[in-house]
Amino acid sequence: MSSVAEMFERIDKNKDGKISWDEFAEGIRVFSPSTTSEEIDKMFRELDTDGDGHIDVNEFAKCMISGKEDDEEAVMKTTFDLYDIDGDGKISANEIHVVLKRLGENISMEECVKMVRAVDADGDGFVSFEEFKTMMNSNNKKAL
């Protein structure tokens, strides 16, 4: 539920401006604990386009913001699904809280409720995929 730059900063634990293999692996395993080292290595190499052994913010952004709309939609759906822990097709403030805590964020439940309210166009107390896409598109435009 944040900009690409904020997501990058969360994964870049030592704040050196680049994501190491270990930081990347830790970030992947937050969402998918069963991912093998081989799978993580393959993903890491695909993102590390200059082959320097680190993922910089530009390489990370290229992955997160694709030029093709179909790819962008798929990235958004994957990201949405990571937050939609119970798979019910909507994101609650509690789900946001759980995911951000896993990412090491010190965030209150009240702040998560405010995040939901900020994008909850239909007022049902949840973030639907359509509301999520609207939010991500406005955040990405600000981040660019």
N, C-alpha and C. Protein backbone atom coordinates (compact mmCIF):
# COMPACT_ATOMS: atom_id res chain seq x y z
N MET A 1 0.83 -1.18 0.00
CA MET A 1 0.00 0.00 0.00
C MET A 1 0.88 1.25 0.00
N SER A 2 1.98 1.22 -0.71
CA SER A 2 2.87 2.35 -0.70
C SER A 2 3.55 2.48 -2.05
N SER A 3 4.29 3.54 -2.19
CA SER A 3 4.97 3.78 -3.45
C SER A 3 6.10 2.78 -3.66
N VAL A 4 6.56 2.69 -4.88
CA VAL A 4 7.67 1.81 -5.21
C VAL A 4 8.89 2.16 -4.36
N ALA A 5 9.15 3.45 -4.19
CA ALA A 5 10.31 3.88 -3.40
C ALA A 5 10.17 3.42 -1.95
N GLU A 6 8.97 3.50 -1.39
CA GLU A 6 8.76 3.06 -0.01
C GLU A 6 8.94 1.55 0.11
N MET A 7 8.44 0.81 -0.88
CA MET A 7 8.61 -0.64 -0.87
C MET A 7 10.10 -0.99 -0.94
N PHE A 8 10.82 -0.29 -1.81
CA PHE A 8 12.26 -0.51 -1.94
C PHE A 8 12.96 -0.28 -0.60
N GLU A 9 12.61 0.83 0.06
CA GLU A 9 13.25 1.18 1.33
C GLU A 9 12.98 0.13 2.40
N ARG A 10 11.79 -0.48 2.38
CA ARG A 10 11.47 -1.51 3.37
C ARG A 10 12.35 -2.75 3.17
N ILE A 11 12.62 -3.09 1.93
CA ILE A 11 13.42 -4.29 1.63
C ILE A 11 14.90 -4.01 1.86
N ASP A 12 15.33 -2.79 1.60
CA ASP A 12 16.73 -2.37 1.77
C ASP A 12 17.00 -2.13 3.26
N LYS A 13 17.16 -3.22 4.00
CA LYS A 13 17.25 -3.16 5.47
C LYS A 13 18.42 -2.31 5.98
N ASN A 14 19.58 -2.39 5.31
CA ASN A 14 20.74 -1.63 5.80
C ASN A 14 20.82 -0.22 5.20
N LYS A 15 19.83 0.15 4.41
CA LYS A 15 19.69 1.51 3.87
C LYS A 15 20.91 1.99 3.09
N ASP A 16 21.48 1.05 2.28
CA ASP A 16 22.64 1.44 1.48
C ASP A 16 22.26 1.80 0.04
N GLY A 17 20.95 1.83 -0.24
CA GLY A 17 20.49 2.22 -1.56
C GLY A 17 20.47 1.11 -2.58
N LYS A 18 20.69 -0.11 -2.13
CA LYS A 18 20.62 -1.26 -3.03
C LYS A 18 20.17 -2.48 -2.23
N ILE A 19 19.53 -3.40 -2.92
CA ILE A 19 19.02 -4.61 -2.29
C ILE A 19 19.98 -5.75 -2.58
N SER A 20 20.52 -6.33 -1.51
CA SER A 20 21.41 -7.47 -1.65
C SER A 20 20.58 -8.73 -1.85
N TRP A 21 21.24 -9.83 -2.18
CA TRP A 21 20.53 -11.11 -2.33
C TRP A 21 19.84 -11.48 -1.02
N ASP A 22 20.54 -11.31 0.11
CA ASP A 22 19.97 -11.67 1.42
C ASP A 22 18.73 -10.82 1.74
N GLU A 23 18.80 -9.52 1.46
CA GLU A 23 17.64 -8.65 1.71
C GLU A 23 16.48 -9.05 0.81
N PHE A 24 16.78 -9.35 -0.45
CA PHE A 24 15.76 -9.76 -1.40
C PHE A 24 15.10 -11.07 -0.94
N ALA A 25 15.93 -12.02 -0.54
CA ALA A 25 15.42 -13.32 -0.08
C ALA A 25 14.51 -13.14 1.13
N GLU A 26 14.93 -12.29 2.05
CA GLU A 26 14.11 -12.04 3.25
C GLU A 26 12.76 -11.43 2.86
N GLY A 27 12.77 -10.48 1.92
CA GLY A 27 11.54 -9.86 1.45
C GLY A 27 10.60 -10.84 0.78
N ILE A 28 11.14 -11.71 -0.05
CA ILE A 28 10.32 -12.73 -0.73
C ILE A 28 9.74 -13.70 0.29
N ARG A 29 10.55 -14.12 1.23
CA ARG A 29 10.10 -15.14 2.19
C ARG A 29 9.06 -14.61 3.17
N VAL A 30 8.94 -13.29 3.33
CA VAL A 30 7.87 -12.72 4.14
C VAL A 30 6.52 -13.17 3.58
N PHE A 31 6.41 -13.13 2.26
CA PHE A 31 5.14 -13.45 1.60
C PHE A 31 5.04 -14.91 1.21
N SER A 32 6.17 -15.51 0.91
CA SER A 32 6.16 -16.89 0.42
C SER A 32 7.29 -17.68 1.08
N PRO A 33 7.07 -18.12 2.32
CA PRO A 33 8.13 -18.79 3.08
C PRO A 33 8.68 -20.05 2.41
N SER A 34 7.91 -20.68 1.55
CA SER A 34 8.37 -21.94 0.94
C SER A 34 9.18 -21.74 -0.34
N THR A 35 9.42 -20.50 -0.74
CA THR A 35 10.20 -20.23 -1.95
C THR A 35 11.63 -20.74 -1.75
N THR A 36 12.12 -21.51 -2.72
CA THR A 36 13.46 -22.09 -2.60
C THR A 36 14.53 -21.05 -2.93
N SER A 37 15.73 -21.33 -2.47
CA SER A 37 16.86 -20.44 -2.78
C SER A 37 17.09 -20.36 -4.28
N GLU A 38 16.87 -21.46 -4.99
CA GLU A 38 17.04 -21.48 -6.45
C GLU A 38 16.03 -20.55 -7.12
N GLU A 39 14.79 -20.57 -6.65
CA GLU A 39 13.75 -19.69 -7.21
C GLU A 39 14.09 -18.22 -6.92
N ILE A 40 14.53 -17.96 -5.70
CA ILE A 40 14.91 -16.60 -5.33
C ILE A 40 16.09 -16.14 -6.17
N ASP A 41 17.07 -17.02 -6.37
CA ASP A 41 18.24 -16.68 -7.17
C ASP A 41 17.84 -16.32 -8.60
N LYS A 42 16.92 -17.09 -9.18
CA LYS A 42 16.47 -16.82 -10.55
C LYS A 42 15.77 -15.44 -10.62
N MET A 43 14.90 -15.16 -9.66
CA MET A 43 14.21 -13.86 -9.64
C MET A 43 15.22 -12.72 -9.47
N PHE A 44 16.17 -12.93 -8.56
CA PHE A 44 17.17 -11.90 -8.29
C PHE A 44 17.97 -11.58 -9.55
N ARG A 45 18.41 -12.62 -10.25
CA ARG A 45 19.21 -12.41 -11.47
C ARG A 45 18.40 -11.70 -12.55
N GLU A 46 17.09 -11.99 -12.63
CA GLU A 46 16.24 -11.31 -13.61
C GLU A 46 16.11 -9.82 -13.30
N LEU A 47 16.06 -9.48 -12.01
CA LEU A 47 15.92 -8.07 -11.62
C LEU A 47 17.24 -7.31 -11.70
N ASP A 48 18.33 -8.00 -11.42
CA ASP A 48 19.66 -7.38 -11.43
C ASP A 48 20.15 -7.26 -12.87
N THR A 49 19.55 -6.34 -13.62
CA THR A 49 19.80 -6.27 -15.06
C THR A 49 21.23 -5.87 -15.40
N ASP A 50 21.91 -5.13 -14.53
CA ASP A 50 23.30 -4.75 -14.84
C ASP A 50 24.31 -5.76 -14.29
N GLY A 51 23.82 -6.79 -13.59
CA GLY A 51 24.69 -7.87 -13.13
C GLY A 51 25.69 -7.50 -12.05
N ASP A 52 25.41 -6.43 -11.29
CA ASP A 52 26.38 -6.01 -10.28
C ASP A 52 26.19 -6.70 -8.92
N GLY A 53 25.24 -7.63 -8.84
CA GLY A 53 25.03 -8.35 -7.60
C GLY A 53 24.11 -7.66 -6.62
N HIS A 54 23.50 -6.56 -7.06
CA HIS A 54 22.54 -5.82 -6.23
C HIS A 54 21.39 -5.34 -7.11
N ILE A 55 20.24 -5.12 -6.49
CA ILE A 55 19.11 -4.53 -7.20
C ILE A 55 19.01 -3.09 -6.73
N ASP A 56 19.23 -2.16 -7.68
CA ASP A 56 19.10 -0.75 -7.30
C ASP A 56 17.65 -0.31 -7.49
N VAL A 57 17.35 0.90 -7.09
CA VAL A 57 15.96 1.37 -7.11
C VAL A 57 15.40 1.40 -8.54
N ASN A 58 16.24 1.70 -9.52
CA ASN A 58 15.76 1.73 -10.91
C ASN A 58 15.40 0.33 -11.41
N GLU A 59 16.23 -0.64 -11.09
CA GLU A 59 15.93 -2.03 -11.47
C GLU A 59 14.65 -2.51 -10.78
N PHE A 60 14.50 -2.14 -9.51
CA PHE A 60 13.32 -2.52 -8.75
C PHE A 60 12.08 -1.86 -9.35
N ALA A 61 12.17 -0.58 -9.69
CA ALA A 61 11.03 0.15 -10.25
C ALA A 61 10.61 -0.43 -11.60
N LYS A 62 11.58 -0.82 -12.42
CA LYS A 62 11.25 -1.42 -13.72
C LYS A 62 10.43 -2.68 -13.54
N CYS A 63 10.74 -3.43 -12.50
CA CYS A 63 9.99 -4.65 -12.21
C CYS A 63 8.57 -4.29 -11.76
N MET A 64 8.45 -3.27 -10.92
CA MET A 64 7.15 -2.93 -10.33
C MET A 64 6.26 -2.13 -11.28
N ILE A 65 6.85 -1.33 -12.14
CA ILE A 65 6.06 -0.49 -13.04
C ILE A 65 6.45 -0.84 -14.47
N SER A 66 5.70 -1.73 -15.05
CA SER A 66 5.99 -2.18 -16.41
C SER A 66 5.35 -1.24 -17.41
N GLY A 67 5.93 -1.17 -18.58
CA GLY A 67 5.36 -0.35 -19.62
C GLY A 67 4.11 -0.95 -20.24
N LYS A 68 3.94 -2.24 -20.14
CA LYS A 68 2.79 -2.89 -20.74
C LYS A 68 1.65 -2.94 -19.75
N GLU A 69 0.46 -2.54 -20.20
CA GLU A 69 -0.68 -2.50 -19.28
C GLU A 69 -1.04 -3.87 -18.75
N ASP A 70 -0.96 -4.91 -19.59
CA ASP A 70 -1.29 -6.25 -19.13
C ASP A 70 -0.35 -6.68 -18.01
N ASP A 71 0.95 -6.37 -18.18
CA ASP A 71 1.93 -6.71 -17.16
C ASP A 71 1.67 -5.90 -15.89
N GLU A 72 1.36 -4.63 -16.07
CA GLU A 72 1.10 -3.76 -14.92
C GLU A 72 -0.10 -4.28 -14.13
N GLU A 73 -1.13 -4.70 -14.83
CA GLU A 73 -2.31 -5.26 -14.18
C GLU A 73 -1.94 -6.52 -13.41
N ALA A 74 -1.10 -7.36 -13.99
CA ALA A 74 -0.67 -8.60 -13.33
C ALA A 74 0.15 -8.30 -12.08
N VAL A 75 1.04 -7.32 -12.17
CA VAL A 75 1.85 -6.93 -11.01
C VAL A 75 0.94 -6.42 -9.90
N MET A 76 -0.04 -5.60 -10.27
CA MET A 76 -0.97 -5.07 -9.26
C MET A 76 -1.79 -6.18 -8.62
N LYS A 77 -2.22 -7.13 -9.43
CA LYS A 77 -3.02 -8.24 -8.89
C LYS A 77 -2.16 -9.08 -7.94
N THR A 78 -0.92 -9.32 -8.30
CA THR A 78 -0.03 -10.08 -7.43
C THR A 78 0.19 -9.34 -6.11
N THR A 79 0.42 -8.04 -6.21
CA THR A 79 0.61 -7.23 -5.01
C THR A 79 -0.65 -7.22 -4.15
N PHE A 80 -1.81 -7.06 -4.80
CA PHE A 80 -3.09 -7.09 -4.09
C PHE A 80 -3.25 -8.41 -3.35
N ASP A 81 -2.95 -9.50 -4.04
CA ASP A 81 -3.10 -10.83 -3.45
C ASP A 81 -2.19 -11.03 -2.24
N LEU A 82 -1.02 -10.39 -2.23
CA LEU A 82 -0.13 -10.49 -1.08
C LEU A 82 -0.77 -9.88 0.17
N TYR A 83 -1.50 -8.79 -0.02
CA TYR A 83 -2.18 -8.14 1.10
C TYR A 83 -3.48 -8.85 1.47
N ASP A 84 -4.14 -9.45 0.48
CA ASP A 84 -5.42 -10.15 0.71
C ASP A 84 -5.15 -11.53 1.30
N ILE A 85 -4.74 -11.55 2.55
CA ILE A 85 -4.27 -12.77 3.22
C ILE A 85 -5.31 -13.88 3.20
N ASP A 86 -6.57 -13.53 3.46
CA ASP A 86 -7.61 -14.57 3.53
C ASP A 86 -8.22 -14.91 2.16
N GLY A 87 -7.78 -14.21 1.11
CA GLY A 87 -8.21 -14.54 -0.25
C GLY A 87 -9.67 -14.24 -0.55
N ASP A 88 -10.27 -13.30 0.21
CA ASP A 88 -11.69 -13.00 0.00
C ASP A 88 -11.94 -11.91 -1.04
N GLY A 89 -10.88 -11.44 -1.70
CA GLY A 89 -11.05 -10.45 -2.76
C GLY A 89 -11.11 -9.02 -2.28
N LYS A 90 -10.81 -8.80 -1.02
CA LYS A 90 -10.77 -7.45 -0.47
C LYS A 90 -9.74 -7.40 0.64
N ILE A 91 -9.19 -6.21 0.86
CA ILE A 91 -8.14 -6.03 1.84
C ILE A 91 -8.71 -5.26 3.03
N SER A 92 -8.53 -5.84 4.21
CA SER A 92 -8.98 -5.17 5.44
C SER A 92 -7.82 -4.40 6.06
N ALA A 93 -8.15 -3.52 6.99
CA ALA A 93 -7.12 -2.80 7.73
C ALA A 93 -6.24 -3.79 8.49
N ASN A 94 -6.83 -4.86 9.01
CA ASN A 94 -6.07 -5.86 9.74
C ASN A 94 -5.05 -6.56 8.82
N GLU A 95 -5.46 -6.86 7.59
CA GLU A 95 -4.53 -7.50 6.64
C GLU A 95 -3.36 -6.57 6.32
N ILE A 96 -3.65 -5.29 6.13
CA ILE A 96 -2.59 -4.31 5.88
C ILE A 96 -1.64 -4.29 7.07
N HIS A 97 -2.21 -4.28 8.26
CA HIS A 97 -1.41 -4.24 9.48
C HIS A 97 -0.48 -5.45 9.56
N VAL A 98 -1.00 -6.64 9.30
CA VAL A 98 -0.21 -7.88 9.36
C VAL A 98 0.95 -7.82 8.36
N VAL A 99 0.66 -7.45 7.11
CA VAL A 99 1.69 -7.43 6.07
C VAL A 99 2.77 -6.39 6.39
N LEU A 100 2.36 -5.19 6.79
CA LEU A 100 3.35 -4.15 7.08
C LEU A 100 4.19 -4.52 8.30
N LYS A 101 3.61 -5.17 9.28
CA LYS A 101 4.39 -5.64 10.43
C LYS A 101 5.43 -6.67 9.98
N ARG A 102 5.02 -7.59 9.08
CA ARG A 102 5.96 -8.59 8.54
C ARG A 102 7.12 -7.92 7.84
N LEU A 103 6.83 -6.77 7.22
CA LEU A 103 7.87 -6.02 6.50
C LEU A 103 8.70 -5.15 7.44
N GLY A 104 8.41 -5.23 8.74
CA GLY A 104 9.21 -4.48 9.70
C GLY A 104 8.72 -3.08 9.96
N GLU A 105 7.54 -2.74 9.48
CA GLU A 105 7.00 -1.40 9.70
C GLU A 105 6.41 -1.31 11.10
N ASN A 106 6.67 -0.21 11.76
CA ASN A 106 6.08 0.06 13.07
C ASN A 106 4.87 0.96 12.82
N ILE A 107 3.73 0.32 12.59
CA ILE A 107 2.53 1.06 12.21
C ILE A 107 1.36 0.62 13.09
N SER A 108 0.55 1.59 13.45
CA SER A 108 -0.58 1.27 14.33
C SER A 108 -1.77 0.79 13.51
N MET A 109 -2.66 0.09 14.18
CA MET A 109 -3.90 -0.35 13.54
C MET A 109 -4.71 0.86 13.08
N GLU A 110 -4.67 1.92 13.87
CA GLU A 110 -5.40 3.15 13.53
C GLU A 110 -4.90 3.72 12.19
N GLU A 111 -3.59 3.69 11.98
CA GLU A 111 -3.02 4.17 10.71
C GLU A 111 -3.49 3.30 9.54
N CYS A 112 -3.59 2.00 9.77
CA CYS A 112 -4.06 1.09 8.71
C CYS A 112 -5.53 1.35 8.39
N VAL A 113 -6.33 1.63 9.41
CA VAL A 113 -7.74 1.97 9.19
C VAL A 113 -7.84 3.25 8.35
N LYS A 114 -6.97 4.23 8.64
CA LYS A 114 -6.95 5.48 7.86
C LYS A 114 -6.58 5.22 6.40
N MET A 115 -5.63 4.29 6.17
CA MET A 115 -5.23 3.93 4.80
C MET A 115 -6.43 3.38 4.04
N VAL A 116 -7.16 2.49 4.68
CA VAL A 116 -8.34 1.90 4.03
C VAL A 116 -9.36 2.99 3.73
N ARG A 117 -9.66 3.83 4.70
CA ARG A 117 -10.66 4.89 4.51
C ARG A 117 -10.27 5.83 3.38
N ALA A 118 -8.97 6.06 3.21
CA ALA A 118 -8.49 7.00 2.19
C ALA A 118 -8.80 6.53 0.77
N VAL A 119 -8.94 5.21 0.57
CA VAL A 119 -9.16 4.69 -0.79
C VAL A 119 -10.47 3.92 -0.93
N ASP A 120 -11.22 3.79 0.15
CA ASP A 120 -12.45 3.00 0.17
C ASP A 120 -13.60 3.79 -0.47
N ALA A 121 -13.66 3.77 -1.80
CA ALA A 121 -14.64 4.57 -2.55
C ALA A 121 -16.09 4.16 -2.26
N ASP A 122 -16.34 2.88 -2.05
CA ASP A 122 -17.73 2.44 -1.84
C ASP A 122 -18.12 2.38 -0.36
N GLY A 123 -17.19 2.71 0.54
CA GLY A 123 -17.51 2.82 1.95
C GLY A 123 -17.81 1.51 2.67
N ASP A 124 -17.33 0.38 2.12
CA ASP A 124 -17.63 -0.91 2.76
C ASP A 124 -16.60 -1.30 3.84
N GLY A 125 -15.59 -0.46 4.05
CA GLY A 125 -14.60 -0.75 5.08
C GLY A 125 -13.44 -1.61 4.60
N PHE A 126 -13.41 -1.90 3.31
CA PHE A 126 -12.36 -2.73 2.72
C PHE A 126 -11.83 -2.07 1.46
N VAL A 127 -10.66 -2.53 1.00
CA VAL A 127 -10.10 -2.06 -0.26
C VAL A 127 -10.32 -3.17 -1.29
N SER A 128 -11.13 -2.87 -2.30
CA SER A 128 -11.35 -3.82 -3.39
C SER A 128 -10.18 -3.73 -4.37
N PHE A 129 -10.10 -4.67 -5.32
CA PHE A 129 -9.02 -4.61 -6.30
C PHE A 129 -9.11 -3.32 -7.12
N GLU A 130 -10.32 -2.91 -7.50
CA GLU A 130 -10.48 -1.67 -8.28
C GLU A 130 -9.98 -0.46 -7.48
N GLU A 131 -10.33 -0.41 -6.19
CA GLU A 131 -9.87 0.68 -5.33
C GLU A 131 -8.35 0.63 -5.17
N PHE A 132 -7.81 -0.58 -5.07
CA PHE A 132 -6.36 -0.78 -4.95
C PHE A 132 -5.65 -0.26 -6.19
N LYS A 133 -6.19 -0.60 -7.38
CA LYS A 133 -5.58 -0.15 -8.64
C LYS A 133 -5.58 1.38 -8.71
N THR A 134 -6.68 2.00 -8.32
CA THR A 134 -6.77 3.46 -8.33
C THR A 134 -5.69 4.06 -7.42
N MET A 135 -5.56 3.48 -6.23
CA MET A 135 -4.58 3.96 -5.27
C MET A 135 -3.16 3.77 -5.82
N MET A 136 -2.86 2.60 -6.36
CA MET A 136 -1.52 2.33 -6.88
C MET A 136 -1.18 3.24 -8.05
N ASN A 137 -2.13 3.48 -8.92
CA ASN A 137 -1.89 4.35 -10.07
C ASN A 137 -1.60 5.79 -9.60
N SER A 138 -2.33 6.28 -8.62
CA SER A 138 -2.08 7.64 -8.13
C SER A 138 -0.75 7.69 -7.40
N ASN A 139 -0.40 6.64 -6.63
CA ASN A 139 0.90 6.61 -5.93
C ASN A 139 2.05 6.52 -6.92
N ASN A 140 1.90 5.68 -7.95
CA ASN A 140 2.98 5.51 -8.93
C ASN A 140 3.23 6.80 -9.68
N LYS A 141 2.17 7.53 -10.00
CA LYS A 141 2.36 8.79 -10.71
C LYS A 141 3.13 9.78 -9.84
N LYS A 142 2.85 9.78 -8.54
CA LYS A 142 3.56 10.68 -7.62
C LYS A 142 5.01 10.24 -7.46
N ALA A 143 5.25 8.92 -7.50
CA ALA A 143 6.59 8.40 -7.25
C ALA A 143 7.53 8.60 -8.44
N LEU A 144 6.94 8.76 -9.63
CA LEU A 144 7.79 8.84 -10.83
C LEU A 144 8.43 10.19 -10.99
